[in-house]
């Protein structure tokens, strides 16, 4: 993973998504990511440093009002990728982002962005237990998932340590992942069903 920014500063409304919430602005600075292979990463943005002396994005919004954006190579506009996961003073972090080549930045508005394809675990009826996991973790859903489903596990370096395409049985998902061979630590679990994906953090002891 190689990245660098374009030196932009201040905030702007240029090229923001057409369906953005009210009073949505993005950071004028963009970062280009050059990715080799399949990588999931935690991306953190310092709002003050990103403004570089210009107008800074609002720091008073709820964490989920901050949105990771990626520029569409076809029309040049940014599209929403993921809502913010943590906020620490001026630093907004997005956890478990499946990154690919392209330009990224951050935006914020008066409400959370309705992001198509990024689904809450409860919406797909997915439960994961136990967490923390000692020997295995079980992933279940009885919500009727009939799309092709893939379960992936990434370490904090973004390295994929597990991937399994899961056969469906009447729309019921019930998959057990062994964790005994994994080093203790925090991992990002991704469950992808069709065009929807769920990202959760798990701990292996």
N, C-alpha and C. Protein backbone atom coordinates (compact mmCIF):
# COMPACT_ATOMS: atom_id res chain seq x y z
N UNK A 1 0.85 -1.19 0.00
CA UNK A 1 0.00 0.00 0.00
C UNK A 1 0.89 1.24 0.00
N UNK A 2 0.75 2.08 -1.05
CA UNK A 2 1.50 3.33 -1.16
C UNK A 2 0.50 4.47 -1.28
N UNK A 3 0.72 5.57 -0.53
CA UNK A 3 -0.23 6.66 -0.61
C UNK A 3 0.48 8.00 -0.52
N UNK A 4 -0.19 9.05 -1.01
CA UNK A 4 0.31 10.41 -0.93
C UNK A 4 -0.84 11.36 -1.21
N UNK A 5 -0.73 12.62 -0.73
CA UNK A 5 -1.83 13.56 -0.95
C UNK A 5 -1.46 14.62 -1.98
N UNK A 6 -2.49 15.38 -2.42
CA UNK A 6 -2.31 16.34 -3.50
C UNK A 6 -1.97 17.74 -3.00
N UNK A 7 -1.81 17.93 -1.69
CA UNK A 7 -1.43 19.23 -1.15
C UNK A 7 -2.58 20.20 -0.99
N UNK A 8 -3.82 19.74 -1.23
CA UNK A 8 -4.97 20.61 -1.07
C UNK A 8 -5.20 20.99 0.38
N UNK A 9 -5.99 22.05 0.58
CA UNK A 9 -6.30 22.45 1.96
C UNK A 9 -7.73 22.99 2.01
N UNK A 10 -8.16 23.39 3.21
CA UNK A 10 -9.48 23.96 3.45
C UNK A 10 -10.57 22.92 3.17
N UNK A 11 -11.83 23.33 3.27
CA UNK A 11 -12.96 22.46 2.97
C UNK A 11 -13.63 22.94 1.69
N UNK A 12 -14.40 22.06 1.06
CA UNK A 12 -15.02 22.40 -0.22
C UNK A 12 -16.30 21.59 -0.41
N UNK A 13 -17.15 22.06 -1.31
CA UNK A 13 -18.34 21.30 -1.71
C UNK A 13 -18.20 20.79 -3.14
N UNK A 14 -17.03 20.98 -3.73
CA UNK A 14 -16.81 20.52 -5.11
C UNK A 14 -16.88 18.99 -5.18
N UNK A 15 -17.61 18.50 -6.17
CA UNK A 15 -17.65 17.06 -6.50
C UNK A 15 -18.17 16.19 -5.36
N UNK A 16 -18.98 16.76 -4.45
CA UNK A 16 -19.54 15.92 -3.38
C UNK A 16 -20.67 15.08 -3.97
N UNK A 17 -21.02 13.95 -3.33
CA UNK A 17 -22.10 13.10 -3.85
C UNK A 17 -23.43 13.87 -3.94
N UNK A 18 -24.20 13.58 -4.98
CA UNK A 18 -25.46 14.27 -5.18
C UNK A 18 -26.46 13.97 -4.06
N UNK A 19 -26.34 12.81 -3.44
CA UNK A 19 -27.29 12.43 -2.38
C UNK A 19 -26.73 12.68 -0.98
N UNK A 20 -25.75 13.57 -0.87
CA UNK A 20 -25.14 13.87 0.43
C UNK A 20 -26.15 14.54 1.36
N UNK A 21 -26.00 14.36 2.68
CA UNK A 21 -26.88 15.02 3.65
C UNK A 21 -26.72 16.54 3.58
N UNK A 22 -27.62 17.25 4.26
CA UNK A 22 -27.60 18.71 4.27
C UNK A 22 -26.28 19.24 4.82
N UNK A 23 -25.83 20.37 4.25
CA UNK A 23 -24.62 21.06 4.69
C UNK A 23 -23.38 20.17 4.64
N UNK A 24 -23.34 19.28 3.66
CA UNK A 24 -22.21 18.36 3.53
C UNK A 24 -21.03 19.07 2.87
N UNK A 25 -19.86 18.93 3.45
CA UNK A 25 -18.61 19.41 2.89
C UNK A 25 -17.59 18.30 2.95
N UNK A 26 -16.60 18.40 2.08
CA UNK A 26 -15.50 17.44 2.13
C UNK A 26 -14.20 18.18 2.34
N UNK A 27 -13.20 17.44 2.77
CA UNK A 27 -11.86 18.00 2.89
C UNK A 27 -11.31 18.27 1.49
N UNK A 28 -10.68 19.43 1.29
CA UNK A 28 -10.13 19.77 -0.01
C UNK A 28 -8.95 18.90 -0.40
N UNK A 29 -8.29 18.34 0.58
CA UNK A 29 -7.13 17.47 0.33
C UNK A 29 -7.60 16.05 0.01
N UNK A 30 -7.00 15.43 -1.00
CA UNK A 30 -7.30 14.04 -1.32
C UNK A 30 -6.02 13.22 -1.28
N UNK A 31 -6.19 11.94 -0.98
CA UNK A 31 -5.06 11.02 -0.90
C UNK A 31 -5.23 9.95 -1.98
N UNK A 32 -4.14 9.69 -2.72
CA UNK A 32 -4.17 8.61 -3.70
C UNK A 32 -3.57 7.35 -3.07
N UNK A 33 -4.31 6.26 -3.15
CA UNK A 33 -3.83 4.97 -2.65
C UNK A 33 -3.51 4.06 -3.81
N UNK A 34 -2.32 3.51 -3.79
CA UNK A 34 -1.89 2.53 -4.78
C UNK A 34 -1.78 1.18 -4.07
N UNK A 35 -2.66 0.27 -4.41
CA UNK A 35 -2.81 -0.97 -3.66
C UNK A 35 -2.42 -2.16 -4.52
N UNK A 36 -1.65 -3.08 -3.95
CA UNK A 36 -1.31 -4.33 -4.60
C UNK A 36 -1.96 -5.46 -3.83
N UNK A 37 -2.82 -6.21 -4.49
CA UNK A 37 -3.49 -7.31 -3.84
C UNK A 37 -4.74 -6.85 -3.10
N UNK A 38 -5.27 -7.73 -2.26
CA UNK A 38 -6.48 -7.45 -1.48
C UNK A 38 -6.08 -6.98 -0.09
N UNK A 39 -6.44 -5.73 0.24
CA UNK A 39 -6.02 -5.15 1.51
C UNK A 39 -7.21 -4.52 2.22
N UNK A 40 -7.32 -4.77 3.50
CA UNK A 40 -8.28 -4.08 4.35
C UNK A 40 -7.48 -3.28 5.37
N UNK A 41 -7.79 -1.99 5.50
CA UNK A 41 -6.97 -1.11 6.33
C UNK A 41 -7.84 -0.22 7.20
N UNK A 42 -7.26 0.26 8.31
CA UNK A 42 -7.86 1.31 9.12
C UNK A 42 -7.32 2.64 8.60
N UNK A 43 -8.20 3.56 8.21
CA UNK A 43 -7.79 4.85 7.68
C UNK A 43 -8.16 5.95 8.66
N UNK A 44 -7.18 6.77 9.06
CA UNK A 44 -7.40 7.86 10.01
C UNK A 44 -7.11 9.19 9.34
N UNK A 45 -7.97 10.18 9.61
CA UNK A 45 -7.83 11.51 9.04
C UNK A 45 -7.80 12.54 10.17
N UNK A 46 -6.75 13.35 10.21
CA UNK A 46 -6.65 14.45 11.16
C UNK A 46 -7.24 15.68 10.48
N UNK A 47 -8.39 16.15 10.98
CA UNK A 47 -9.10 17.25 10.32
C UNK A 47 -8.28 18.54 10.32
N UNK A 48 -7.57 18.79 11.41
CA UNK A 48 -6.78 20.02 11.50
C UNK A 48 -5.59 19.99 10.55
N UNK A 49 -4.85 18.89 10.55
CA UNK A 49 -3.70 18.79 9.67
C UNK A 49 -4.12 18.76 8.20
N UNK A 50 -5.26 18.13 7.93
CA UNK A 50 -5.74 18.06 6.55
C UNK A 50 -6.15 19.42 6.01
N UNK A 51 -6.63 20.31 6.90
CA UNK A 51 -7.02 21.65 6.46
C UNK A 51 -5.79 22.50 6.13
N UNK A 52 -4.66 22.17 6.76
CA UNK A 52 -3.37 22.83 6.47
C UNK A 52 -3.48 24.35 6.49
N UNK A 53 -4.11 24.87 7.57
CA UNK A 53 -4.22 26.32 7.72
C UNK A 53 -5.47 26.91 7.12
N UNK A 54 -6.22 26.14 6.34
CA UNK A 54 -7.46 26.61 5.74
C UNK A 54 -8.65 26.30 6.63
N UNK A 55 -9.83 26.41 6.08
CA UNK A 55 -11.06 26.14 6.83
C UNK A 55 -11.18 24.65 7.11
N UNK A 56 -11.31 24.31 8.39
CA UNK A 56 -11.36 22.91 8.80
C UNK A 56 -12.80 22.41 8.79
N UNK A 57 -12.97 21.12 8.48
CA UNK A 57 -14.29 20.52 8.60
C UNK A 57 -14.77 20.60 10.04
N UNK A 58 -16.08 20.64 10.22
CA UNK A 58 -16.67 20.70 11.55
C UNK A 58 -16.19 19.52 12.40
N UNK A 59 -15.85 19.81 13.65
CA UNK A 59 -15.43 18.75 14.58
C UNK A 59 -16.53 18.41 15.58
N UNK A 60 -17.69 19.06 15.44
CA UNK A 60 -18.75 18.89 16.44
C UNK A 60 -19.83 17.90 16.07
N UNK A 61 -19.66 17.17 14.98
CA UNK A 61 -20.69 16.23 14.55
C UNK A 61 -20.50 14.85 15.19
N UNK A 62 -21.58 14.06 15.16
CA UNK A 62 -21.49 12.67 15.62
C UNK A 62 -20.52 11.89 14.74
N UNK A 63 -19.94 10.85 15.31
CA UNK A 63 -18.94 10.07 14.58
C UNK A 63 -19.47 9.53 13.26
N UNK A 64 -20.73 9.04 13.25
CA UNK A 64 -21.26 8.45 12.02
C UNK A 64 -21.67 9.48 10.98
N UNK A 65 -21.55 10.78 11.30
CA UNK A 65 -21.81 11.82 10.31
C UNK A 65 -20.60 12.05 9.41
N UNK A 66 -19.44 11.53 9.82
CA UNK A 66 -18.23 11.63 9.00
C UNK A 66 -18.20 10.45 8.03
N UNK A 67 -17.89 10.74 6.77
CA UNK A 67 -17.99 9.74 5.72
C UNK A 67 -16.70 9.65 4.92
N UNK A 68 -16.22 8.44 4.72
CA UNK A 68 -15.09 8.21 3.83
C UNK A 68 -15.60 8.27 2.40
N UNK A 69 -14.90 9.03 1.56
CA UNK A 69 -15.29 9.22 0.16
C UNK A 69 -14.21 8.71 -0.77
N UNK A 70 -14.63 8.19 -1.92
CA UNK A 70 -13.69 7.77 -2.97
C UNK A 70 -14.16 8.36 -4.30
N UNK A 71 -13.21 8.92 -5.05
CA UNK A 71 -13.57 9.55 -6.32
C UNK A 71 -13.92 8.50 -7.37
N UNK A 72 -15.04 8.73 -8.05
CA UNK A 72 -15.48 7.87 -9.15
C UNK A 72 -14.64 8.21 -10.38
N UNK A 73 -13.93 7.22 -10.90
CA UNK A 73 -13.03 7.45 -12.04
C UNK A 73 -13.80 7.81 -13.31
N UNK A 74 -15.10 7.50 -13.35
CA UNK A 74 -15.90 7.75 -14.55
C UNK A 74 -16.38 9.19 -14.63
N UNK A 75 -17.02 9.68 -13.54
CA UNK A 75 -17.60 11.02 -13.58
C UNK A 75 -16.85 12.05 -12.74
N UNK A 76 -15.83 11.64 -12.01
CA UNK A 76 -15.02 12.56 -11.23
C UNK A 76 -15.62 12.95 -9.89
N UNK A 77 -16.86 12.53 -9.61
CA UNK A 77 -17.49 12.85 -8.34
C UNK A 77 -17.09 11.82 -7.28
N UNK A 78 -17.20 12.25 -6.02
CA UNK A 78 -16.90 11.33 -4.93
C UNK A 78 -18.14 10.53 -4.55
N UNK A 79 -17.93 9.31 -4.14
CA UNK A 79 -19.00 8.44 -3.67
C UNK A 79 -18.71 8.02 -2.24
N UNK A 80 -19.77 7.84 -1.46
CA UNK A 80 -19.62 7.44 -0.07
C UNK A 80 -19.19 5.98 0.02
N UNK A 81 -18.23 5.73 0.91
CA UNK A 81 -17.70 4.38 1.10
C UNK A 81 -18.10 3.80 2.45
N UNK A 82 -17.91 4.59 3.51
CA UNK A 82 -18.11 4.04 4.85
C UNK A 82 -18.29 5.18 5.85
N UNK A 83 -19.11 4.94 6.88
CA UNK A 83 -19.28 5.90 7.96
C UNK A 83 -18.13 5.79 8.96
N UNK A 84 -17.86 6.88 9.68
CA UNK A 84 -16.79 6.88 10.67
C UNK A 84 -17.05 5.90 11.79
N UNK A 85 -15.97 5.30 12.31
CA UNK A 85 -16.09 4.32 13.40
C UNK A 85 -15.68 4.90 14.75
N UNK A 86 -14.62 5.70 14.77
CA UNK A 86 -14.18 6.31 16.03
C UNK A 86 -13.78 7.76 15.79
N UNK A 87 -13.90 8.56 16.86
CA UNK A 87 -13.53 9.97 16.79
C UNK A 87 -12.74 10.30 18.05
N UNK A 88 -11.51 10.79 17.86
CA UNK A 88 -10.65 11.16 18.97
C UNK A 88 -10.14 12.57 18.72
N UNK A 89 -10.78 13.54 19.38
CA UNK A 89 -10.51 14.95 19.13
C UNK A 89 -10.74 15.26 17.65
N UNK A 90 -9.67 15.61 16.92
CA UNK A 90 -9.83 15.96 15.51
C UNK A 90 -9.56 14.80 14.56
N UNK A 91 -9.33 13.61 15.10
CA UNK A 91 -8.96 12.46 14.27
C UNK A 91 -10.16 11.52 14.11
N UNK A 92 -10.54 11.29 12.86
CA UNK A 92 -11.64 10.38 12.54
C UNK A 92 -11.04 9.12 11.92
N UNK A 93 -11.46 7.94 12.41
CA UNK A 93 -10.92 6.68 11.92
C UNK A 93 -12.03 5.82 11.34
N UNK A 94 -11.72 5.22 10.20
CA UNK A 94 -12.61 4.26 9.54
C UNK A 94 -11.94 2.89 9.63
N UNK A 95 -12.60 1.94 10.25
CA UNK A 95 -12.01 0.63 10.50
C UNK A 95 -12.38 -0.37 9.41
N UNK A 96 -11.43 -1.24 9.09
CA UNK A 96 -11.70 -2.37 8.20
C UNK A 96 -12.16 -1.97 6.81
N UNK A 97 -11.48 -1.00 6.21
CA UNK A 97 -11.88 -0.53 4.88
C UNK A 97 -11.22 -1.39 3.80
N UNK A 98 -12.00 -2.04 2.93
CA UNK A 98 -11.39 -2.75 1.79
C UNK A 98 -10.96 -1.72 0.74
N UNK A 99 -9.67 -1.38 0.72
CA UNK A 99 -9.19 -0.29 -0.13
C UNK A 99 -8.75 -0.81 -1.49
N UNK A 100 -8.83 0.08 -2.48
CA UNK A 100 -8.37 -0.22 -3.84
C UNK A 100 -7.76 1.04 -4.42
N UNK A 101 -7.14 0.95 -5.59
CA UNK A 101 -6.51 2.11 -6.20
C UNK A 101 -7.51 3.25 -6.38
N UNK A 102 -7.11 4.46 -6.02
CA UNK A 102 -8.00 5.60 -6.24
C UNK A 102 -7.76 6.72 -5.26
N UNK A 103 -8.57 7.79 -5.41
CA UNK A 103 -8.45 8.99 -4.57
C UNK A 103 -9.49 8.95 -3.46
N UNK A 104 -9.03 9.18 -2.23
CA UNK A 104 -9.90 9.14 -1.05
C UNK A 104 -9.84 10.47 -0.30
N UNK A 105 -10.93 10.80 0.36
CA UNK A 105 -10.96 11.94 1.28
C UNK A 105 -12.08 11.71 2.28
N UNK A 106 -12.38 12.73 3.08
CA UNK A 106 -13.38 12.60 4.13
C UNK A 106 -14.35 13.77 4.03
N UNK A 107 -15.63 13.53 4.33
CA UNK A 107 -16.63 14.58 4.33
C UNK A 107 -17.51 14.47 5.56
N UNK A 108 -18.31 15.52 5.81
CA UNK A 108 -19.20 15.53 6.98
C UNK A 108 -20.40 16.40 6.67
N UNK A 109 -21.55 16.00 7.21
CA UNK A 109 -22.78 16.77 7.05
C UNK A 109 -23.60 16.74 8.32
N UNK A 110 -24.84 17.20 8.21
CA UNK A 110 -25.70 17.31 9.38
C UNK A 110 -26.35 15.99 9.78
N UNK A 111 -26.16 14.95 8.98
CA UNK A 111 -26.74 13.64 9.28
C UNK A 111 -25.81 12.56 8.77
N UNK A 112 -26.07 11.33 9.18
CA UNK A 112 -25.29 10.20 8.70
C UNK A 112 -25.64 9.93 7.24
N UNK A 113 -24.64 9.59 6.46
CA UNK A 113 -24.83 9.28 5.05
C UNK A 113 -25.49 7.91 4.92
N UNK A 114 -26.53 7.82 4.10
CA UNK A 114 -27.18 6.54 3.84
C UNK A 114 -26.37 5.82 2.76
N UNK A 115 -25.51 4.92 3.18
CA UNK A 115 -24.55 4.31 2.26
C UNK A 115 -25.08 2.97 1.77
N UNK A 116 -25.32 2.88 0.48
CA UNK A 116 -25.78 1.64 -0.12
C UNK A 116 -24.67 0.61 -0.10
N UNK A 117 -24.99 -0.59 0.40
CA UNK A 117 -24.02 -1.68 0.40
C UNK A 117 -23.27 -1.85 1.70
N UNK A 118 -23.27 -0.83 2.57
CA UNK A 118 -22.65 -0.97 3.88
C UNK A 118 -23.78 -1.17 4.87
N UNK A 119 -23.89 -2.35 5.41
CA UNK A 119 -25.06 -2.76 6.16
C UNK A 119 -24.72 -3.04 7.60
N UNK A 120 -25.59 -2.63 8.49
CA UNK A 120 -25.42 -2.95 9.90
C UNK A 120 -25.60 -4.46 10.11
N UNK A 121 -24.83 -5.02 11.03
CA UNK A 121 -24.91 -6.46 11.27
C UNK A 121 -26.32 -6.89 11.64
N UNK A 122 -27.05 -6.03 12.37
CA UNK A 122 -28.41 -6.39 12.77
C UNK A 122 -29.34 -6.45 11.56
N UNK A 123 -29.04 -5.65 10.52
CA UNK A 123 -29.90 -5.62 9.34
C UNK A 123 -29.83 -6.93 8.58
N UNK A 124 -28.68 -7.58 8.56
CA UNK A 124 -28.56 -8.89 7.94
C UNK A 124 -28.84 -10.01 8.94
N UNK A 125 -29.16 -9.63 10.16
CA UNK A 125 -29.45 -10.63 11.18
C UNK A 125 -28.23 -11.43 11.60
N UNK A 126 -27.05 -10.84 11.48
CA UNK A 126 -25.81 -11.57 11.75
C UNK A 126 -25.41 -11.42 13.21
N UNK A 127 -25.10 -12.53 13.84
CA UNK A 127 -24.54 -12.53 15.19
C UNK A 127 -23.23 -13.28 15.16
N UNK A 128 -22.27 -12.83 15.99
CA UNK A 128 -20.95 -13.44 16.05
C UNK A 128 -20.59 -13.69 17.51
N UNK A 129 -20.25 -14.91 17.84
CA UNK A 129 -19.98 -15.24 19.23
C UNK A 129 -19.07 -16.48 19.30
N UNK A 130 -18.29 -16.66 20.38
CA UNK A 130 -18.07 -15.65 21.42
C UNK A 130 -17.08 -14.59 20.93
N UNK A 131 -17.09 -13.45 21.56
CA UNK A 131 -16.16 -12.37 21.26
C UNK A 131 -15.82 -11.67 22.57
N UNK A 132 -14.61 -11.86 23.11
CA UNK A 132 -13.41 -12.48 22.53
C UNK A 132 -13.55 -13.99 22.30
N UNK A 133 -12.75 -14.48 21.34
CA UNK A 133 -12.77 -15.89 20.98
C UNK A 133 -11.50 -16.57 21.47
N UNK A 134 -11.66 -17.76 22.03
CA UNK A 134 -10.51 -18.53 22.49
C UNK A 134 -10.07 -19.57 21.46
N UNK A 135 -11.03 -20.34 20.95
CA UNK A 135 -10.70 -21.40 20.02
C UNK A 135 -11.41 -21.26 18.68
N UNK A 136 -12.58 -20.63 18.69
CA UNK A 136 -13.35 -20.47 17.45
C UNK A 136 -14.38 -19.36 17.64
N UNK A 137 -14.89 -18.89 16.51
CA UNK A 137 -15.97 -17.92 16.53
C UNK A 137 -17.04 -18.41 15.55
N UNK A 138 -18.28 -18.26 15.97
CA UNK A 138 -19.39 -18.74 15.16
C UNK A 138 -20.16 -17.55 14.59
N UNK A 139 -20.48 -17.63 13.30
CA UNK A 139 -21.20 -16.57 12.61
C UNK A 139 -22.53 -17.14 12.14
N UNK A 140 -23.61 -16.49 12.58
CA UNK A 140 -24.95 -17.02 12.27
C UNK A 140 -25.86 -15.92 11.75
N UNK A 141 -26.79 -16.33 10.90
CA UNK A 141 -27.89 -15.46 10.49
C UNK A 141 -29.04 -16.33 10.02
N UNK A 142 -30.23 -16.00 10.50
CA UNK A 142 -31.42 -16.71 10.04
C UNK A 142 -32.38 -15.74 9.35
N UNK A 143 -31.81 -14.63 8.80
CA UNK A 143 -32.61 -13.57 8.21
C UNK A 143 -32.99 -13.87 6.76
N UNK A 144 -32.50 -14.96 6.21
CA UNK A 144 -32.81 -15.29 4.82
C UNK A 144 -31.81 -14.68 3.86
N UNK A 145 -30.54 -15.09 3.95
CA UNK A 145 -29.49 -14.61 3.06
C UNK A 145 -29.32 -15.64 1.93
N UNK A 146 -29.78 -15.27 0.74
CA UNK A 146 -29.73 -16.21 -0.37
C UNK A 146 -28.65 -15.86 -1.39
N UNK A 147 -27.96 -14.73 -1.18
CA UNK A 147 -26.88 -14.36 -2.09
C UNK A 147 -25.61 -15.14 -1.76
N UNK A 148 -24.68 -15.12 -2.72
CA UNK A 148 -23.36 -15.71 -2.47
C UNK A 148 -22.72 -14.98 -1.29
N UNK A 149 -22.26 -15.73 -0.30
CA UNK A 149 -21.72 -15.13 0.92
C UNK A 149 -20.26 -15.53 1.10
N UNK A 150 -19.43 -14.53 1.40
CA UNK A 150 -18.01 -14.77 1.66
C UNK A 150 -17.65 -14.19 3.02
N UNK A 151 -16.94 -14.97 3.81
CA UNK A 151 -16.48 -14.53 5.11
C UNK A 151 -14.95 -14.39 5.06
N UNK A 152 -14.45 -13.22 5.47
CA UNK A 152 -13.02 -12.96 5.46
C UNK A 152 -12.58 -12.41 6.80
N UNK A 153 -11.34 -12.68 7.15
CA UNK A 153 -10.76 -12.20 8.40
C UNK A 153 -9.42 -11.55 8.08
N UNK A 154 -9.21 -10.32 8.61
CA UNK A 154 -7.99 -9.57 8.34
C UNK A 154 -7.33 -9.19 9.66
N UNK A 155 -5.99 -9.24 9.69
CA UNK A 155 -5.29 -8.74 10.87
C UNK A 155 -5.13 -7.24 10.76
N UNK A 156 -4.50 -6.61 11.77
CA UNK A 156 -4.39 -5.16 11.80
C UNK A 156 -3.43 -4.61 10.75
N UNK A 157 -2.65 -5.48 10.11
CA UNK A 157 -1.79 -5.07 9.01
C UNK A 157 -2.53 -5.09 7.68
N UNK A 158 -3.80 -5.51 7.74
CA UNK A 158 -4.60 -5.60 6.52
C UNK A 158 -4.39 -6.89 5.76
N UNK A 159 -3.67 -7.85 6.36
CA UNK A 159 -3.41 -9.13 5.70
C UNK A 159 -4.59 -10.07 5.90
N UNK A 160 -5.03 -10.68 4.83
CA UNK A 160 -6.13 -11.62 4.93
C UNK A 160 -5.63 -12.94 5.49
N UNK A 161 -6.20 -13.36 6.62
CA UNK A 161 -5.75 -14.59 7.27
C UNK A 161 -6.78 -15.71 7.14
N UNK A 162 -7.96 -15.36 6.62
CA UNK A 162 -9.00 -16.38 6.43
C UNK A 162 -9.97 -15.89 5.37
N UNK A 163 -10.38 -16.80 4.50
CA UNK A 163 -11.43 -16.48 3.52
C UNK A 163 -12.17 -17.76 3.18
N UNK A 164 -13.49 -17.67 3.19
CA UNK A 164 -14.28 -18.86 2.91
C UNK A 164 -15.59 -18.45 2.23
N UNK A 165 -15.85 -19.04 1.06
CA UNK A 165 -17.17 -18.89 0.44
C UNK A 165 -18.10 -19.89 1.09
N UNK A 166 -19.24 -19.41 1.56
CA UNK A 166 -20.12 -20.22 2.39
C UNK A 166 -21.33 -20.67 1.60
N UNK A 167 -21.55 -21.99 1.50
CA UNK A 167 -22.77 -22.47 0.83
C UNK A 167 -23.99 -22.16 1.68
N UNK A 168 -25.10 -21.80 1.02
CA UNK A 168 -26.33 -21.47 1.73
C UNK A 168 -27.21 -22.71 1.87
N UNK A 169 -27.96 -22.75 2.96
CA UNK A 169 -28.91 -23.82 3.20
C UNK A 169 -30.23 -23.19 3.63
N UNK A 170 -31.10 -22.97 2.65
CA UNK A 170 -32.39 -22.36 2.96
C UNK A 170 -32.28 -20.95 3.47
N UNK A 171 -31.21 -20.21 3.09
CA UNK A 171 -31.05 -18.83 3.53
C UNK A 171 -30.44 -18.69 4.91
N UNK A 172 -30.10 -19.81 5.55
CA UNK A 172 -29.54 -19.76 6.91
C UNK A 172 -28.02 -19.83 6.83
N UNK A 173 -27.37 -18.87 7.46
CA UNK A 173 -25.92 -18.84 7.53
C UNK A 173 -25.48 -19.34 8.90
N UNK A 174 -24.61 -20.33 8.92
CA UNK A 174 -24.09 -20.86 10.19
C UNK A 174 -22.69 -21.37 9.91
N UNK A 175 -21.68 -20.56 10.24
CA UNK A 175 -20.29 -20.88 9.91
C UNK A 175 -19.42 -20.75 11.14
N UNK A 176 -18.54 -21.71 11.34
CA UNK A 176 -17.61 -21.70 12.46
C UNK A 176 -16.20 -21.50 11.94
N UNK A 177 -15.47 -20.54 12.52
CA UNK A 177 -14.08 -20.25 12.13
C UNK A 177 -13.17 -20.62 13.29
N UNK A 178 -12.21 -21.48 13.03
CA UNK A 178 -11.23 -21.83 14.05
C UNK A 178 -10.23 -20.70 14.25
N UNK A 179 -9.95 -20.35 15.50
CA UNK A 179 -9.01 -19.26 15.79
C UNK A 179 -7.80 -19.73 16.59
N UNK A 180 -7.71 -21.02 16.86
CA UNK A 180 -6.63 -21.54 17.71
C UNK A 180 -5.24 -21.26 17.13
N UNK A 181 -5.13 -21.24 15.79
CA UNK A 181 -3.82 -21.05 15.15
C UNK A 181 -3.49 -19.58 14.91
N UNK A 182 -4.39 -18.68 15.28
CA UNK A 182 -4.15 -17.25 15.06
C UNK A 182 -3.47 -16.63 16.27
N UNK A 183 -2.51 -15.74 16.06
CA UNK A 183 -1.92 -15.01 17.18
C UNK A 183 -2.98 -14.18 17.90
N UNK A 184 -2.82 -14.01 19.19
CA UNK A 184 -3.75 -13.18 19.96
C UNK A 184 -3.74 -11.75 19.43
N UNK A 185 -4.90 -11.13 19.42
CA UNK A 185 -4.97 -9.74 18.96
C UNK A 185 -6.33 -9.42 18.40
N UNK A 186 -6.42 -8.24 17.76
CA UNK A 186 -7.67 -7.74 17.18
C UNK A 186 -7.68 -8.02 15.69
N UNK A 187 -8.82 -8.47 15.20
CA UNK A 187 -9.00 -8.78 13.79
C UNK A 187 -10.28 -8.11 13.28
N UNK A 188 -10.31 -7.89 11.96
CA UNK A 188 -11.50 -7.35 11.32
C UNK A 188 -12.18 -8.47 10.55
N UNK A 189 -13.46 -8.68 10.86
CA UNK A 189 -14.25 -9.71 10.20
C UNK A 189 -15.16 -9.05 9.17
N UNK A 190 -15.14 -9.57 7.96
CA UNK A 190 -16.01 -9.07 6.90
C UNK A 190 -16.92 -10.19 6.43
N UNK A 191 -18.22 -9.92 6.43
CA UNK A 191 -19.20 -10.85 5.87
C UNK A 191 -19.83 -10.14 4.67
N UNK A 192 -19.64 -10.69 3.49
CA UNK A 192 -20.16 -10.08 2.28
C UNK A 192 -21.22 -10.99 1.67
N UNK A 193 -22.44 -10.45 1.54
CA UNK A 193 -23.55 -11.19 0.96
C UNK A 193 -24.08 -10.39 -0.22
N UNK A 194 -23.80 -10.85 -1.44
CA UNK A 194 -24.20 -10.10 -2.62
C UNK A 194 -23.49 -8.76 -2.64
N UNK A 195 -24.26 -7.64 -2.69
CA UNK A 195 -23.69 -6.30 -2.71
C UNK A 195 -23.63 -5.68 -1.32
N UNK A 196 -24.03 -6.42 -0.31
CA UNK A 196 -24.00 -5.91 1.06
C UNK A 196 -22.81 -6.50 1.81
N UNK A 197 -22.25 -5.70 2.70
CA UNK A 197 -21.13 -6.19 3.50
C UNK A 197 -21.23 -5.65 4.92
N UNK A 198 -20.80 -6.47 5.85
CA UNK A 198 -20.77 -6.13 7.27
C UNK A 198 -19.34 -6.23 7.75
N UNK A 199 -18.88 -5.24 8.51
CA UNK A 199 -17.53 -5.23 9.06
C UNK A 199 -17.63 -5.16 10.58
N UNK A 200 -16.99 -6.10 11.24
CA UNK A 200 -17.00 -6.12 12.70
C UNK A 200 -15.60 -6.40 13.22
N UNK A 201 -15.34 -5.89 14.41
CA UNK A 201 -14.04 -6.12 15.04
C UNK A 201 -14.18 -7.26 16.04
N UNK A 202 -13.24 -8.20 16.01
CA UNK A 202 -13.27 -9.30 16.97
C UNK A 202 -11.89 -9.39 17.64
N UNK A 203 -11.88 -10.02 18.80
CA UNK A 203 -10.63 -10.21 19.55
C UNK A 203 -10.37 -11.70 19.72
N UNK A 204 -9.14 -12.10 19.42
CA UNK A 204 -8.73 -13.49 19.60
C UNK A 204 -7.78 -13.54 20.78
N UNK A 205 -8.06 -14.44 21.73
CA UNK A 205 -7.21 -14.56 22.93
C UNK A 205 -6.27 -15.75 22.80
